Amino acid sequence: MSSSYLIFATFAMAAVTFVTRALPALIPKPLLDTPWLHRLNESLPLSVMVLLILTSLSYQDLSATTGINSSELHLLMAQIGALLLVLLVYHVSRQLLVSMVVGIAAINGLLWTFTHFLG
């Protein structure tokens, strides 16, 4: 990656963060109390986390001849399993931090399980 791309991406993320933090101060209070905005606020962190995880799935090295014992397939299965577990835990607990910790533990546990029991 070029350094100009990283600088641009950093400034873009900073701008988005600033706008999302400053926007509630600019929106009238009655609009902030609407039910649809509360539902959006509740689901937004999970949505962002799921999008980040989906974009990081490693399926590029897979082909029709990839065997069940391949490390690439083990990684993809562990990522999908961890994502499903994160969604389940977040649905039950509504705690983003707990869901992230469970996801990290799940991906490591699933990778270990697939490596030791599938090949």
PDB file of N, CA and C in Angstrom:
ATOM      1  N   MET A   1       0.832  -1.180   0.000  1.00  0.00           N
ATOM      2  CA  MET A   1       0.000   0.000   0.000  1.00  0.00           C
ATOM      3  C   MET A   1       0.876   1.241   0.000  1.00  0.00           C
ATOM      4  N   SER A   2       0.434   2.230  -0.708  1.00  0.00           N
ATOM      5  CA  SER A   2       1.210   3.459  -0.738  1.00  0.00           C
ATOM      6  C   SER A   2       0.907   4.299   0.499  1.00  0.00           C
ATOM      7  N   SER A   3       1.853   5.148   0.852  1.00  0.00           N
ATOM      8  CA  SER A   3       1.669   5.973   2.048  1.00  0.00           C
ATOM      9  C   SER A   3       0.573   7.008   1.843  1.00  0.00           C
ATOM     10  N   SER A   4       0.379   7.473   0.598  1.00  0.00           N
ATOM     11  CA  SER A   4      -0.691   8.453   0.358  1.00  0.00           C
ATOM     12  C   SER A   4      -2.067   7.826   0.580  1.00  0.00           C
ATOM     13  N   TYR A   5      -2.214   6.547   0.225  1.00  0.00           N
ATOM     14  CA  TYR A   5      -3.482   5.853   0.467  1.00  0.00           C
ATOM     15  C   TYR A   5      -3.754   5.741   1.966  1.00  0.00           C
ATOM     16  N   LEU A   6      -2.746   5.377   2.736  1.00  0.00           N
ATOM     17  CA  LEU A   6      -2.918   5.259   4.187  1.00  0.00           C
ATOM     18  C   LEU A   6      -3.242   6.593   4.828  1.00  0.00           C
ATOM     19  N   ILE A   7      -2.604   7.645   4.366  1.00  0.00           N
ATOM     20  CA  ILE A   7      -2.894   8.981   4.900  1.00  0.00           C
ATOM     21  C   ILE A   7      -4.319   9.383   4.567  1.00  0.00           C
ATOM     22  N   PHE A   8      -4.741   9.157   3.323  1.00  0.00           N
ATOM     23  CA  PHE A   8      -6.115   9.472   2.925  1.00  0.00           C
ATOM     24  C   PHE A   8      -7.122   8.663   3.734  1.00  0.00           C
ATOM     25  N   ALA A   9      -6.862   7.368   3.899  1.00  0.00           N
ATOM     26  CA  ALA A   9      -7.784   6.513   4.659  1.00  0.00           C
ATOM     27  C   ALA A   9      -7.874   6.967   6.110  1.00  0.00           C
ATOM     28  N   THR A  10      -6.757   7.362   6.692  1.00  0.00           N
ATOM     29  CA  THR A  10      -6.753   7.839   8.075  1.00  0.00           C
ATOM     30  C   THR A  10      -7.575   9.110   8.217  1.00  0.00           C
ATOM     31  N   PHE A  11      -7.377  10.065   7.300  1.00  0.00           N
ATOM     32  CA  PHE A  11      -8.156  11.302   7.361  1.00  0.00           C
ATOM     33  C   PHE A  11      -9.639  11.052   7.085  1.00  0.00           C
ATOM     34  N   ALA A  12      -9.947  10.132   6.187  1.00  0.00           N
ATOM     35  CA  ALA A  12     -11.346   9.807   5.903  1.00  0.00           C
ATOM     36  C   ALA A  12     -12.017   9.201   7.136  1.00  0.00           C
ATOM     37  N   MET A  13     -11.325   8.281   7.811  1.00  0.00           N
ATOM     38  CA  MET A  13     -11.894   7.688   9.030  1.00  0.00           C
ATOM     39  C   MET A  13     -12.059   8.742  10.116  1.00  0.00           C
ATOM     40  N   ALA A  14     -11.093   9.651  10.235  1.00  0.00           N
ATOM     41  CA  ALA A  14     -11.190  10.719  11.233  1.00  0.00           C
ATOM     42  C   ALA A  14     -12.362  11.638  10.927  1.00  0.00           C
ATOM     43  N   ALA A  15     -12.579  11.951   9.651  1.00  0.00           N
ATOM     44  CA  ALA A  15     -13.693  12.817   9.269  1.00  0.00           C
ATOM     45  C   ALA A  15     -15.035  12.155   9.561  1.00  0.00           C
ATOM     46  N   VAL A  16     -15.153  10.882   9.218  1.00  0.00           N
ATOM     47  CA  VAL A  16     -16.406  10.160   9.486  1.00  0.00           C
ATOM     48  C   VAL A  16     -16.662  10.093  10.989  1.00  0.00           C
ATOM     49  N   THR A  17     -15.638   9.821  11.767  1.00  0.00           N
ATOM     50  CA  THR A  17     -15.777   9.763  13.216  1.00  0.00           C
ATOM     51  C   THR A  17     -16.197  11.117  13.773  1.00  0.00           C
ATOM     52  N   PHE A  18     -15.576  12.189  13.301  1.00  0.00           N
ATOM     53  CA  PHE A  18     -15.920  13.527  13.778  1.00  0.00           C
ATOM     54  C   PHE A  18     -17.371  13.871  13.446  1.00  0.00           C
ATOM     55  N   VAL A  19     -17.782  13.584  12.209  1.00  0.00           N
ATOM     56  CA  VAL A  19     -19.154  13.901  11.798  1.00  0.00           C
ATOM     57  C   VAL A  19     -20.164  13.103  12.615  1.00  0.00           C
ATOM     58  N   THR A  20     -19.904  11.819  12.816  1.00  0.00           N
ATOM     59  CA  THR A  20     -20.866  11.012  13.575  1.00  0.00           C
ATOM     60  C   THR A  20     -20.919  11.411  15.047  1.00  0.00           C
ATOM     61  N   ARG A  21     -19.823  11.910  15.586  1.00  0.00           N
ATOM     62  CA  ARG A  21     -19.823  12.374  16.976  1.00  0.00           C
ATOM     63  C   ARG A  21     -20.461  13.756  17.096  1.00  0.00           C
ATOM     64  N   ALA A  22     -20.303  14.615  16.088  1.00  0.00           N
ATOM     65  CA  ALA A  22     -20.825  15.984  16.151  1.00  0.00           C
ATOM     66  C   ALA A  22     -22.282  16.069  15.720  1.00  0.00           C
ATOM     67  N   LEU A  23     -22.740  15.138  14.908  1.00  0.00           N
ATOM     68  CA  LEU A  23     -24.090  15.190  14.357  1.00  0.00           C
ATOM     69  C   LEU A  23     -25.184  15.244  15.421  1.00  0.00           C
ATOM     70  N   PRO A  24     -25.120  14.466  16.492  1.00  0.00           N
ATOM     71  CA  PRO A  24     -26.185  14.553  17.498  1.00  0.00           C
ATOM     72  C   PRO A  24     -26.330  15.945  18.122  1.00  0.00           C
ATOM     73  N   ALA A  25     -25.277  16.723  18.174  1.00  0.00           N
ATOM     74  CA  ALA A  25     -25.369  18.080  18.719  1.00  0.00           C
ATOM     75  C   ALA A  25     -26.084  19.016  17.757  1.00  0.00           C
ATOM     76  N   LEU A  26     -26.112  18.671  16.484  1.00  0.00           N
ATOM     77  CA  LEU A  26     -26.730  19.529  15.482  1.00  0.00           C
ATOM     78  C   LEU A  26     -28.178  19.147  15.177  1.00  0.00           C
ATOM     79  N   ILE A  27     -28.569  17.936  15.512  1.00  0.00           N
ATOM     80  CA  ILE A  27     -29.928  17.459  15.233  1.00  0.00           C
ATOM     81  C   ILE A  27     -30.855  17.904  16.359  1.00  0.00           C
ATOM     82  N   PRO A  28     -32.070  18.378  16.018  1.00  0.00           N
ATOM     83  CA  PRO A  28     -33.022  18.783  17.067  1.00  0.00           C
ATOM     84  C   PRO A  28     -33.365  17.622  18.005  1.00  0.00           C
ATOM     85  N   LYS A  29     -33.538  17.915  19.284  1.00  0.00           N
ATOM     86  CA  LYS A  29     -33.792  16.907  20.313  1.00  0.00           C
ATOM     87  C   LYS A  29     -35.003  16.023  20.001  1.00  0.00           C
ATOM     88  N   PRO A  30     -36.142  16.571  19.520  1.00  0.00           N
ATOM     89  CA  PRO A  30     -37.285  15.678  19.225  1.00  0.00           C
ATOM     90  C   PRO A  30     -36.964  14.609  18.179  1.00  0.00           C
ATOM     91  N   LEU A  31     -36.106  14.941  17.226  1.00  0.00           N
ATOM     92  CA  LEU A  31     -35.744  13.950  16.214  1.00  0.00           C
ATOM     93  C   LEU A  31     -34.857  12.856  16.812  1.00  0.00           C
ATOM     94  N   LEU A  32     -34.026  13.220  17.785  1.00  0.00           N
ATOM     95  CA  LEU A  32     -33.159  12.223  18.424  1.00  0.00           C
ATOM     96  C   LEU A  32     -33.942  11.212  19.258  1.00  0.00           C
ATOM     97  N   ASP A  33     -35.154  11.571  19.669  1.00  0.00           N
ATOM     98  CA  ASP A  33     -35.964  10.683  20.504  1.00  0.00           C
ATOM     99  C   ASP A  33     -36.914   9.791  19.709  1.00  0.00           C
ATOM    100  N   THR A  34     -36.789   9.758  18.392  1.00  0.00           N
ATOM    101  CA  THR A  34     -37.686   8.924  17.601  1.00  0.00           C
ATOM    102  C   THR A  34     -37.309   7.446  17.740  1.00  0.00           C
ATOM    103  N   PRO A  35     -38.297   6.558  17.707  1.00  0.00           N
ATOM    104  CA  PRO A  35     -38.024   5.119  17.881  1.00  0.00           C
ATOM    105  C   PRO A  35     -37.100   4.535  16.811  1.00  0.00           C
ATOM    106  N   TRP A  36     -37.233   4.965  15.562  1.00  0.00           N
ATOM    107  CA  TRP A  36     -36.396   4.395  14.500  1.00  0.00           C
ATOM    108  C   TRP A  36     -34.930   4.745  14.708  1.00  0.00           C
ATOM    109  N   LEU A  37     -34.661   5.927  15.261  1.00  0.00           N
ATOM    110  CA  LEU A  37     -33.278   6.307  15.513  1.00  0.00           C
ATOM    111  C   LEU A  37     -32.697   5.517  16.684  1.00  0.00           C
ATOM    112  N   HIS A  38     -33.534   5.202  17.666  1.00  0.00           N
ATOM    113  CA  HIS A  38     -33.074   4.359  18.777  1.00  0.00           C
ATOM    114  C   HIS A  38     -32.757   2.946  18.289  1.00  0.00           C
ATOM    115  N   ARG A  39     -33.603   2.393  17.404  1.00  0.00           N
ATOM    116  CA  ARG A  39     -33.331   1.059  16.849  1.00  0.00           C
ATOM    117  C   ARG A  39     -32.066   1.064  16.000  1.00  0.00           C
ATOM    118  N   LEU A  40     -31.877   2.124  15.227  1.00  0.00           N
ATOM    119  CA  LEU A  40     -30.668   2.243  14.427  1.00  0.00           C
ATOM    120  C   LEU A  40     -29.440   2.317  15.331  1.00  0.00           C
ATOM    121  N   ASN A  41     -29.526   3.071  16.391  1.00  0.00           N
ATOM    122  CA  ASN A  41     -28.418   3.220  17.331  1.00  0.00           C
ATOM    123  C   ASN A  41     -28.076   1.896  18.005  1.00  0.00           C
ATOM    124  N   GLU A  42     -29.070   1.068  18.257  1.00  0.00           N
ATOM    125  CA  GLU A  42     -28.838  -0.235  18.891  1.00  0.00           C
ATOM    126  C   GLU A  42     -28.180  -1.224  17.929  1.00  0.00           C
ATOM    127  N   SER A  43     -28.553  -1.170  16.660  1.00  0.00           N
ATOM    128  CA  SER A  43     -28.057  -2.176  15.721  1.00  0.00           C
ATOM    129  C   SER A  43     -26.820  -1.744  14.953  1.00  0.00           C
ATOM    130  N   LEU A  44     -26.469  -0.485  14.990  1.00  0.00           N
ATOM    131  CA  LEU A  44     -25.344  -0.002  14.198  1.00  0.00           C
ATOM    132  C   LEU A  44     -24.001  -0.622  14.586  1.00  0.00           C
ATOM    133  N   PRO A  45     -23.646  -0.718  15.868  1.00  0.00           N
ATOM    134  CA  PRO A  45     -22.341  -1.326  16.182  1.00  0.00           C
ATOM    135  C   PRO A  45     -22.208  -2.760  15.684  1.00  0.00           C
ATOM    136  N   LEU A  46     -23.259  -3.546  15.838  1.00  0.00           N
ATOM    137  CA  LEU A  46     -23.210  -4.924  15.360  1.00  0.00           C
ATOM    138  C   LEU A  46     -23.119  -4.963  13.838  1.00  0.00           C
ATOM    139  N   SER A  47     -23.850  -4.093  13.174  1.00  0.00           N
ATOM    140  CA  SER A  47     -23.804  -4.058  11.712  1.00  0.00           C
ATOM    141  C   SER A  47     -22.406  -3.726  11.206  1.00  0.00           C
ATOM    142  N   VAL A  48     -21.768  -2.764  11.824  1.00  0.00           N
ATOM    143  CA  VAL A  48     -20.413  -2.397  11.422  1.00  0.00           C
ATOM    144  C   VAL A  48     -19.456  -3.556  11.673  1.00  0.00           C
ATOM    145  N   MET A  49     -19.601  -4.196  12.830  1.00  0.00           N
ATOM    146  CA  MET A  49     -18.722  -5.318  13.158  1.00  0.00           C
ATOM    147  C   MET A  49     -18.907  -6.470  12.164  1.00  0.00           C
ATOM    148  N   VAL A  50     -20.137  -6.788  11.809  1.00  0.00           N
ATOM    149  CA  VAL A  50     -20.405  -7.863  10.856  1.00  0.00           C
ATOM    150  C   VAL A  50     -19.827  -7.518   9.486  1.00  0.00           C
ATOM    151  N   LEU A  51     -19.985  -6.277   9.045  1.00  0.00           N
ATOM    152  CA  LEU A  51     -19.418  -5.877   7.757  1.00  0.00           C
ATOM    153  C   LEU A  51     -17.900  -5.993   7.757  1.00  0.00           C
ATOM    154  N   LEU A  52     -17.270  -5.579   8.842  1.00  0.00           N
ATOM    155  CA  LEU A  52     -15.822  -5.695   8.926  1.00  0.00           C
ATOM    156  C   LEU A  52     -15.378  -7.154   8.874  1.00  0.00           C
ATOM    157  N   ILE A  53     -16.102  -8.014   9.567  1.00  0.00           N
ATOM    158  CA  ILE A  53     -15.741  -9.433   9.578  1.00  0.00           C
ATOM    159  C   ILE A  53     -15.976 -10.054   8.199  1.00  0.00           C
ATOM    160  N   LEU A  54     -17.101  -9.722   7.572  1.00  0.00           N
ATOM    161  CA  LEU A  54     -17.388 -10.299   6.259  1.00  0.00           C
ATOM    162  C   LEU A  54     -16.356  -9.880   5.216  1.00  0.00           C
ATOM    163  N   THR A  55     -15.877  -8.651   5.301  1.00  0.00           N
ATOM    164  CA  THR A  55     -14.882  -8.215   4.325  1.00  0.00           C
ATOM    165  C   THR A  55     -13.519  -8.833   4.587  1.00  0.00           C
ATOM    166  N   SER A  56     -13.311  -9.352   5.788  1.00  0.00           N
ATOM    167  CA  SER A  56     -12.011  -9.951   6.089  1.00  0.00           C
ATOM    168  C   SER A  56     -11.994 -11.467   5.938  1.00  0.00           C
ATOM    169  N   LEU A  57     -13.104 -12.066   5.533  1.00  0.00           N
ATOM    170  CA  LEU A  57     -13.127 -13.518   5.335  1.00  0.00           C
ATOM    171  C   LEU A  57     -12.086 -13.915   4.291  1.00  0.00           C
ATOM    172  N   SER A  58     -11.367 -14.974   4.576  1.00  0.00           N
ATOM    173  CA  SER A  58     -10.303 -15.403   3.658  1.00  0.00           C
ATOM    174  C   SER A  58     -10.780 -16.598   2.839  1.00  0.00           C
ATOM    175  N   TYR A  59     -11.310 -16.300   1.678  1.00  0.00           N
ATOM    176  CA  TYR A  59     -11.782 -17.350   0.786  1.00  0.00           C
ATOM    177  C   TYR A  59     -11.061 -17.303  -0.569  1.00  0.00           C
ATOM    178  N   GLN A  60     -10.117 -16.376  -0.736  1.00  0.00           N
ATOM    179  CA  GLN A  60      -9.453 -16.222  -2.021  1.00  0.00           C
ATOM    180  C   GLN A  60      -8.611 -17.433  -2.398  1.00  0.00           C
ATOM    181  N   ASP A  61      -8.025 -18.112  -1.426  1.00  0.00           N
ATOM    182  CA  ASP A  61      -7.145 -19.248  -1.718  1.00  0.00           C
ATOM    183  C   ASP A  61      -7.894 -20.566  -1.887  1.00  0.00           C
ATOM    184  N   LEU A  62      -9.207 -20.540  -1.831  1.00  0.00           N
ATOM    185  CA  LEU A  62      -9.987 -21.770  -1.960  1.00  0.00           C
ATOM    186  C   LEU A  62     -10.297 -22.054  -3.427  1.00  0.00           C
ATOM    187  N   SER A  63     -10.366 -23.327  -3.746  1.00  0.00           N
ATOM    188  CA  SER A  63     -10.756 -23.747  -5.087  1.00  0.00           C
ATOM    189  C   SER A  63     -11.603 -25.003  -4.972  1.00  0.00           C
ATOM    190  N   ALA A  64     -12.046 -25.494  -6.096  1.00  0.00           N
ATOM    191  CA  ALA A  64     -12.884 -26.699  -6.097  1.00  0.00           C
ATOM    192  C   ALA A  64     -12.109 -27.923  -5.620  1.00  0.00           C
ATOM    193  N   THR A  65     -10.792 -27.873  -5.688  1.00  0.00           N
ATOM    194  CA  THR A  65      -9.979 -29.019  -5.278  1.00  0.00           C
ATOM    195  C   THR A  65      -9.456 -28.897  -3.842  1.00  0.00           C
ATOM    196  N   THR A  66      -9.862 -27.845  -3.130  1.00  0.00           N
ATOM    197  CA  THR A  66      -9.412 -27.675  -1.749  1.00  0.00           C
ATOM    198  C   THR A  66      -9.990 -28.788  -0.890  1.00  0.00           C
ATOM    199  N   GLY A  67      -9.133 -29.474  -0.186  1.00  0.00           N
ATOM    200  CA  GLY A  67      -9.564 -30.596   0.646  1.00  0.00           C
ATOM    201  C   GLY A  67      -9.980 -30.161   2.037  1.00  0.00           C
ATOM    202  N   ILE A  68     -10.633 -31.061   2.751  1.00  0.00           N
ATOM    203  CA  ILE A  68     -11.121 -30.781   4.102  1.00  0.00           C
ATOM    204  C   ILE A  68      -9.958 -30.577   5.067  1.00  0.00           C
ATOM    205  N   ASN A  69      -8.780 -31.047   4.722  1.00  0.00           N
ATOM    206  CA  ASN A  69      -7.618 -30.926   5.596  1.00  0.00           C
ATOM    207  C   ASN A  69      -6.799 -29.666   5.345  1.00  0.00           C
ATOM    208  N   SER A  70      -7.220 -28.812   4.429  1.00  0.00           N
ATOM    209  CA  SER A  70      -6.422 -27.632   4.098  1.00  0.00           C
ATOM    210  C   SER A  70      -6.582 -26.545   5.161  1.00  0.00           C
ATOM    211  N   SER A  71      -5.501 -25.848   5.422  1.00  0.00           N
ATOM    212  CA  SER A  71      -5.527 -24.791   6.428  1.00  0.00           C
ATOM    213  C   SER A  71      -6.393 -23.618   5.975  1.00  0.00           C
ATOM    214  N   GLU A  72      -6.488 -23.388   4.648  1.00  0.00           N
ATOM    215  CA  GLU A  72      -7.326 -22.306   4.138  1.00  0.00           C
ATOM    216  C   GLU A  72      -8.796 -22.559   4.459  1.00  0.00           C
ATOM    217  N   LEU A  73      -9.243 -23.793   4.276  1.00  0.00           N
ATOM    218  CA  LEU A  73     -10.632 -24.135   4.581  1.00  0.00           C
ATOM    219  C   LEU A  73     -10.889 -24.085   6.082  1.00  0.00           C
ATOM    220  N   HIS A  74      -9.921 -24.519   6.877  1.00  0.00           N
ATOM    221  CA  HIS A  74     -10.064 -24.446   8.338  1.00  0.00           C
ATOM    222  C   HIS A  74     -10.228 -23.000   8.786  1.00  0.00           C
ATOM    223  N   LEU A  75      -9.451 -22.096   8.206  1.00  0.00           N
ATOM    224  CA  LEU A  75      -9.546 -20.685   8.568  1.00  0.00           C
ATOM    225  C   LEU A  75     -10.915 -20.120   8.205  1.00  0.00           C
ATOM    226  N   LEU A  76     -11.397 -20.410   7.011  1.00  0.00           N
ATOM    227  CA  LEU A  76     -12.709 -19.908   6.596  1.00  0.00           C
ATOM    228  C   LEU A  76     -13.823 -20.464   7.483  1.00  0.00           C
ATOM    229  N   MET A  77     -13.772 -21.759   7.787  1.00  0.00           N
ATOM    230  CA  MET A  77     -14.800 -22.355   8.651  1.00  0.00           C
ATOM    231  C   MET A  77     -14.747 -21.747  10.051  1.00  0.00           C
ATOM    232  N   ALA A  78     -13.548 -21.488  10.566  1.00  0.00           N
ATOM    233  CA  ALA A  78     -13.415 -20.874  11.892  1.00  0.00           C
ATOM    234  C   ALA A  78     -13.950 -19.454  11.874  1.00  0.00           C
ATOM    235  N   GLN A  79     -13.696 -18.713  10.814  1.00  0.00           N
ATOM    236  CA  GLN A  79     -14.196 -17.344  10.721  1.00  0.00           C
ATOM    237  C   GLN A  79     -15.718 -17.318  10.661  1.00  0.00           C
ATOM    238  N   ILE A  80     -16.302 -18.187   9.865  1.00  0.00           N
ATOM    239  CA  ILE A  80     -17.765 -18.234   9.758  1.00  0.00           C
ATOM    240  C   ILE A  80     -18.383 -18.687  11.079  1.00  0.00           C
ATOM    241  N   GLY A  81     -17.803 -19.697  11.705  1.00  0.00           N
ATOM    242  CA  GLY A  81     -18.308 -20.150  13.007  1.00  0.00           C
ATOM    243  C   GLY A  81     -18.218 -19.072  14.066  1.00  0.00           C
ATOM    244  N   ALA A  82     -17.111 -18.349  14.092  1.00  0.00           N
ATOM    245  CA  ALA A  82     -16.945 -17.265  15.067  1.00  0.00           C
ATOM    246  C   ALA A  82     -17.948 -16.148  14.803  1.00  0.00           C
ATOM    247  N   LEU A  83     -18.173 -15.826  13.535  1.00  0.00           N
ATOM    248  CA  LEU A  83     -19.147 -14.789  13.198  1.00  0.00           C
ATOM    249  C   LEU A  83     -20.546 -15.180  13.658  1.00  0.00           C
ATOM    250  N   LEU A  84     -20.931 -16.416  13.416  1.00  0.00           N
ATOM    251  CA  LEU A  84     -22.256 -16.872  13.859  1.00  0.00           C
ATOM    252  C   LEU A  84     -22.378 -16.843  15.375  1.00  0.00           C
ATOM    253  N   LEU A  85     -21.315 -17.221  16.064  1.00  0.00           N
ATOM    254  CA  LEU A  85     -21.330 -17.183  17.521  1.00  0.00           C
ATOM    255  C   LEU A  85     -21.406 -15.745  18.044  1.00  0.00           C
ATOM    256  N   VAL A  86     -20.690 -14.826  17.396  1.00  0.00           N
ATOM    257  CA  VAL A  86     -20.757 -13.412  17.780  1.00  0.00           C
ATOM    258  C   VAL A  86     -22.180 -12.886  17.619  1.00  0.00           C
ATOM    259  N   LEU A  87     -22.816 -13.218  16.502  1.00  0.00           N
ATOM    260  CA  LEU A  87     -24.195 -12.775  16.279  1.00  0.00           C
ATOM    261  C   LEU A  87     -25.133 -13.328  17.340  1.00  0.00           C
ATOM    262  N   LEU A  88     -24.977 -14.588  17.679  1.00  0.00           N
ATOM    263  CA  LEU A  88     -25.825 -15.210  18.700  1.00  0.00           C
ATOM    264  C   LEU A  88     -25.616 -14.564  20.068  1.00  0.00           C
ATOM    265  N   VAL A  89     -24.351 -14.384  20.446  1.00  0.00           N
ATOM    266  CA  VAL A  89     -24.058 -13.798  21.759  1.00  0.00           C
ATOM    267  C   VAL A  89     -24.557 -12.358  21.823  1.00  0.00           C
ATOM    268  N   TYR A  90     -24.379 -11.598  20.740  1.00  0.00           N
ATOM    269  CA  TYR A  90     -24.865 -10.215  20.755  1.00  0.00           C
ATOM    270  C   TYR A  90     -26.384 -10.179  20.816  1.00  0.00           C
ATOM    271  N   HIS A  91     -27.048 -11.099  20.113  1.00  0.00           N
ATOM    272  CA  HIS A  91     -28.513 -11.142  20.142  1.00  0.00           C
ATOM    273  C   HIS A  91     -29.028 -11.416  21.554  1.00  0.00           C
ATOM    274  N   VAL A  92     -28.328 -12.278  22.276  1.00  0.00           N
ATOM    275  CA  VAL A  92     -28.753 -12.637  23.634  1.00  0.00           C
ATOM    276  C   VAL A  92     -28.362 -11.566  24.651  1.00  0.00           C
ATOM    277  N   SER A  93     -27.110 -11.070  24.572  1.00  0.00           N
ATOM    278  CA  SER A  93     -26.613 -10.193  25.634  1.00  0.00           C
ATOM    279  C   SER A  93     -26.692  -8.702  25.322  1.00  0.00           C
ATOM    280  N   ARG A  94     -26.726  -8.326  24.042  1.00  0.00           N
ATOM    281  CA  ARG A  94     -26.687  -6.917  23.625  1.00  0.00           C
ATOM    282  C   ARG A  94     -25.436  -6.204  24.141  1.00  0.00           C
ATOM    283  N   GLN A  95     -24.357  -6.950  24.340  1.00  0.00           N
ATOM    284  CA  GLN A  95     -23.091  -6.405  24.805  1.00  0.00           C
ATOM    285  C   GLN A  95     -22.054  -6.590  23.709  1.00  0.00           C
ATOM    286  N   LEU A  96     -21.643  -5.490  23.089  1.00  0.00           N
ATOM    287  CA  LEU A  96     -20.713  -5.560  21.980  1.00  0.00           C
ATOM    288  C   LEU A  96     -19.349  -6.076  22.422  1.00  0.00           C
ATOM    289  N   LEU A  97     -18.857  -5.607  23.556  1.00  0.00           N
ATOM    290  CA  LEU A  97     -17.541  -6.038  24.026  1.00  0.00           C
ATOM    291  C   LEU A  97     -17.526  -7.537  24.327  1.00  0.00           C
ATOM    292  N   VAL A  98     -18.573  -8.025  24.970  1.00  0.00           N
ATOM    293  CA  VAL A  98     -18.665  -9.461  25.262  1.00  0.00           C
ATOM    294  C   VAL A  98     -18.688 -10.253  23.956  1.00  0.00           C
ATOM    295  N   SER A  99     -19.424  -9.762  22.970  1.00  0.00           N
ATOM    296  CA  SER A  99     -19.496 -10.449  21.680  1.00  0.00           C
ATOM    297  C   SER A  99     -18.141 -10.497  21.000  1.00  0.00           C
ATOM    298  N   MET A 100     -17.381  -9.401  21.085  1.00  0.00           N
ATOM    299  CA  MET A 100     -16.061  -9.377  20.463  1.00  0.00           C
ATOM    300  C   MET A 100     -15.106 -10.343  21.160  1.00  0.00           C
ATOM    301  N   VAL A 101     -15.147 -10.391  22.474  1.00  0.00           N
ATOM    302  CA  VAL A 101     -14.280 -11.319  23.215  1.00  0.00           C
ATOM    303  C   VAL A 101     -14.641 -12.760  22.867  1.00  0.00           C
ATOM    304  N   VAL A 102     -15.929 -13.055  22.800  1.00  0.00           N
ATOM    305  CA  VAL A 102     -16.373 -14.395  22.423  1.00  0.00           C
ATOM    306  C   VAL A 102     -15.912 -14.718  21.004  1.00  0.00           C
ATOM    307  N   GLY A 103     -15.989 -13.750  20.107  1.00  0.00           N
ATOM    308  CA  GLY A 103     -15.553 -13.970  18.728  1.00  0.00           C
ATOM    309  C   GLY A 103     -14.074 -14.283  18.630  1.00  0.00           C
ATOM    310  N   ILE A 104     -13.258 -13.547  19.368  1.00  0.00           N
ATOM    311  CA  ILE A 104     -11.815 -13.798  19.359  1.00  0.00           C
ATOM    312  C   ILE A 104     -11.508 -15.172  19.932  1.00  0.00           C
ATOM    313  N   ALA A 105     -12.149 -15.500  21.040  1.00  0.00           N
ATOM    314  CA  ALA A 105     -11.940 -16.822  21.634  1.00  0.00           C
ATOM    315  C   ALA A 105     -12.449 -17.921  20.704  1.00  0.00           C
ATOM    316  N   ALA A 106     -13.585 -17.682  20.063  1.00  0.00           N
ATOM    317  CA  ALA A 106     -14.176 -18.698  19.183  1.00  0.00           C
ATOM    318  C   ALA A 106     -13.308 -18.967  17.968  1.00  0.00           C
ATOM    319  N   ILE A 107     -12.788 -17.921  17.337  1.00  0.00           N
ATOM    320  CA  ILE A 107     -11.974 -18.162  16.136  1.00  0.00           C
ATOM    321  C   ILE A 107     -10.708 -18.928  16.484  1.00  0.00           C
ATOM    322  N   ASN A 108     -10.105 -18.604  17.625  1.00  0.00           N
ATOM    323  CA  ASN A 108      -8.908 -19.343  18.037  1.00  0.00           C
ATOM    324  C   ASN A 108      -9.245 -20.774  18.427  1.00  0.00           C
ATOM    325  N   GLY A 109     -10.340 -20.957  19.160  1.00  0.00           N
ATOM    326  CA  GLY A 109     -10.751 -22.300  19.549  1.00  0.00           C
ATOM    327  C   GLY A 109     -11.154 -23.158  18.366  1.00  0.00           C
ATOM    328  N   LEU A 110     -11.876 -22.559  17.429  1.00  0.00           N
ATOM    329  CA  LEU A 110     -12.286 -23.313  16.241  1.00  0.00           C
ATOM    330  C   LEU A 110     -11.092 -23.659  15.355  1.00  0.00           C
ATOM    331  N   LEU A 111     -10.150 -22.736  15.210  1.00  0.00           N
ATOM    332  CA  LEU A 111      -8.939 -23.044  14.439  1.00  0.00           C
ATOM    333  C   LEU A 111      -8.178 -24.200  15.064  1.00  0.00           C
ATOM    334  N   TRP A 112      -8.039 -24.177  16.374  1.00  0.00           N
ATOM    335  CA  TRP A 112      -7.344 -25.264  17.066  1.00  0.00           C
ATOM    336  C   TRP A 112      -8.090 -26.582  16.874  1.00  0.00           C
ATOM    337  N   THR A 113      -9.421 -26.540  17.012  1.00  0.00           N
ATOM    338  CA  THR A 113     -10.231 -27.748  16.864  1.00  0.00           C
ATOM    339  C   THR A 113     -10.120 -28.313  15.448  1.00  0.00           C
ATOM    340  N   PHE A 114     -10.277 -27.469  14.440  1.00  0.00           N
ATOM    341  CA  PHE A 114     -10.201 -27.948  13.060  1.00  0.00           C
ATOM    342  C   PHE A 114      -8.815 -28.492  12.738  1.00  0.00           C
ATOM    343  N   THR A 115      -7.780 -27.830  13.233  1.00  0.00           N
ATOM    344  CA  THR A 115      -6.416 -28.268  12.953  1.00  0.00           C
ATOM    345  C   THR A 115      -6.124 -29.620  13.590  1.00  0.00           C
ATOM    346  N   HIS A 116      -6.602 -29.819  14.813  1.00  0.00           N
ATOM    347  CA  HIS A 116      -6.276 -31.055  15.517  1.00  0.00           C
ATOM    348  C   HIS A 116      -7.191 -32.228  15.190  1.00  0.00           C
ATOM    349  N   PHE A 117      -8.439 -31.944  14.815  1.00  0.00           N
ATOM    350  CA  PHE A 117      -9.371 -33.041  14.577  1.00  0.00           C
ATOM    351  C   PHE A 117      -9.691 -33.297  13.115  1.00  0.00           C
ATOM    352  N   LEU A 118      -9.427 -32.305  12.257  1.00  0.00           N
ATOM    353  CA  LEU A 118      -9.705 -32.521  10.818  1.00  0.00           C
ATOM    354  C   LEU A 118      -8.429 -32.660   9.999  1.00  0.00           C
ATOM    355  N   GLY A 119      -7.314 -32.459  10.621  1.00  0.00           N
ATOM    356  CA  GLY A 119      -6.142 -32.678   9.811  1.00  0.00           C
ATOM    357  C   GLY A 119      -4.978 -31.894  10.188  1.00  0.00           C
TER     358      GLY A 119
END
